[in-house]
Amino acid sequence: MTHDTDTAQSGKKIKKTAAQERELRLKAALKSNMGRRKAQARARVSTDDDAQDITNEKKD
């Protein structure tokens, strides 16, 4: 199974197999997921810091 697709760089048509298209989709999905996970981790760290600040204020 092949599909014609335009390339942005050369403007020529190239053939991509289903496996190549799948690989590109998986790569894009992985990049998106990693970005989301990093954002969640950053949010957790900032939330933990806020919680520690509140705890320290109560002790004073």
C-alpha atoms as a PDB file:
ATOM      1  CA  MET A   1       0.000   0.000   0.000  1.00  0.00           C
ATOM      2  CA  THR A   2       1.562   3.302  -1.041  1.00  0.00           C
ATOM      3  CA  HIS A   3       0.328   6.847  -0.990  1.00  0.00           C
ATOM      4  CA  ASP A   4       1.488   9.944  -2.838  1.00  0.00           C
ATOM      5  CA  THR A   5       2.373  12.801  -0.580  1.00  0.00           C
ATOM      6  CA  ASP A   6       3.907  16.219  -1.170  1.00  0.00           C
ATOM      7  CA  THR A   7       7.168  17.058   0.451  1.00  0.00           C
ATOM      8  CA  ALA A   8       7.479  20.575   1.786  1.00  0.00           C
ATOM      9  CA  GLN A   9      11.133  20.889   0.857  1.00  0.00           C
ATOM     10  CA  SER A  10      11.363  19.759  -2.755  1.00  0.00           C
ATOM     11  CA  GLY A  11       7.774  19.943  -3.956  1.00  0.00           C
ATOM     12  CA  LYS A  12       8.190  16.495  -5.545  1.00  0.00           C
ATOM     13  CA  LYS A  13       5.827  13.625  -4.957  1.00  0.00           C
ATOM     14  CA  ILE A  14       7.242  10.691  -3.054  1.00  0.00           C
ATOM     15  CA  LYS A  15       5.726   7.335  -2.245  1.00  0.00           C
ATOM     16  CA  LYS A  16       5.235   6.413   1.397  1.00  0.00           C
ATOM     17  CA  THR A  17       4.374   2.950   2.503  1.00  0.00           C
ATOM     18  CA  ALA A  18       1.794   2.236   5.160  1.00  0.00           C
ATOM     19  CA  ALA A  19       4.620   1.281   7.518  1.00  0.00           C
ATOM     20  CA  GLN A  20       6.342   4.638   6.992  1.00  0.00           C
ATOM     21  CA  GLU A  21       3.106   6.533   7.567  1.00  0.00           C
ATOM     22  CA  ARG A  22       2.451   4.497  10.717  1.00  0.00           C
ATOM     23  CA  GLU A  23       5.965   5.256  11.952  1.00  0.00           C
ATOM     24  CA  LEU A  24       5.391   8.992  11.427  1.00  0.00           C
ATOM     25  CA  ARG A  25       2.057   8.869  13.264  1.00  0.00           C
ATOM     26  CA  LEU A  26       3.605   6.980  16.174  1.00  0.00           C
ATOM     27  CA  LYS A  27       6.518   9.407  16.339  1.00  0.00           C
ATOM     28  CA  ALA A  28       4.149  12.387  16.443  1.00  0.00           C
ATOM     29  CA  ALA A  29       1.972  10.732  19.095  1.00  0.00           C
ATOM     30  CA  LEU A  30       5.010   9.939  21.250  1.00  0.00           C
ATOM     31  CA  LYS A  31       6.251  13.512  21.018  1.00  0.00           C
ATOM     32  CA  SER A  32       2.826  14.823  22.005  1.00  0.00           C
ATOM     33  CA  ASN A  33       2.553  12.403  24.934  1.00  0.00           C
ATOM     34  CA  MET A  34       6.018  13.260  26.223  1.00  0.00           C
ATOM     35  CA  GLY A  35       5.166  16.966  26.121  1.00  0.00           C
ATOM     36  CA  ARG A  36       1.995  16.320  28.079  1.00  0.00           C
ATOM     37  CA  ARG A  37       3.809  14.178  30.665  1.00  0.00           C
ATOM     38  CA  LYS A  38       6.499  16.817  31.154  1.00  0.00           C
ATOM     39  CA  ALA A  39       3.845  19.498  31.653  1.00  0.00           C
ATOM     40  CA  GLN A  40       2.093  17.322  34.240  1.00  0.00           C
ATOM     41  CA  ALA A  41       5.370  16.700  36.053  1.00  0.00           C
ATOM     42  CA  ARG A  42       6.131  20.430  36.140  1.00  0.00           C
ATOM     43  CA  ALA A  43       2.639  21.109  37.506  1.00  0.00           C
ATOM     44  CA  ARG A  44       3.119  18.475  40.220  1.00  0.00           C
ATOM     45  CA  VAL A  45       6.448  19.971  41.274  1.00  0.00           C
ATOM     46  CA  SER A  46       5.008  23.469  41.562  1.00  0.00           C
ATOM     47  CA  THR A  47       2.014  22.139  43.518  1.00  0.00           C
ATOM     48  CA  ASP A  48       4.336  20.265  45.894  1.00  0.00           C
ATOM     49  CA  ASP A  49       6.387  23.427  46.424  1.00  0.00           C
ATOM     50  CA  ASP A  50       3.225  25.398  47.247  1.00  0.00           C
ATOM     51  CA  ALA A  51       2.130  22.740  49.739  1.00  0.00           C
ATOM     52  CA  GLN A  52       5.523  22.839  51.478  1.00  0.00           C
ATOM     53  CA  ASP A  53       5.377  26.624  51.712  1.00  0.00           C
ATOM     54  CA  ILE A  54       1.977  26.459  53.390  1.00  0.00           C
ATOM     55  CA  THR A  55       3.197  23.793  55.833  1.00  0.00           C
ATOM     56  CA  ASN A  56       6.260  25.864  56.717  1.00  0.00           C
ATOM     57  CA  GLU A  57       4.116  28.949  57.321  1.00  0.00           C
ATOM     58  CA  LYS A  58       1.890  27.047  59.765  1.00  0.00           C
ATOM     59  CA  LYS A  59       4.917  25.931  61.811  1.00  0.00           C
ATOM     60  CA  ASP A  60       6.130  29.512  62.332  1.00  0.00           C
END
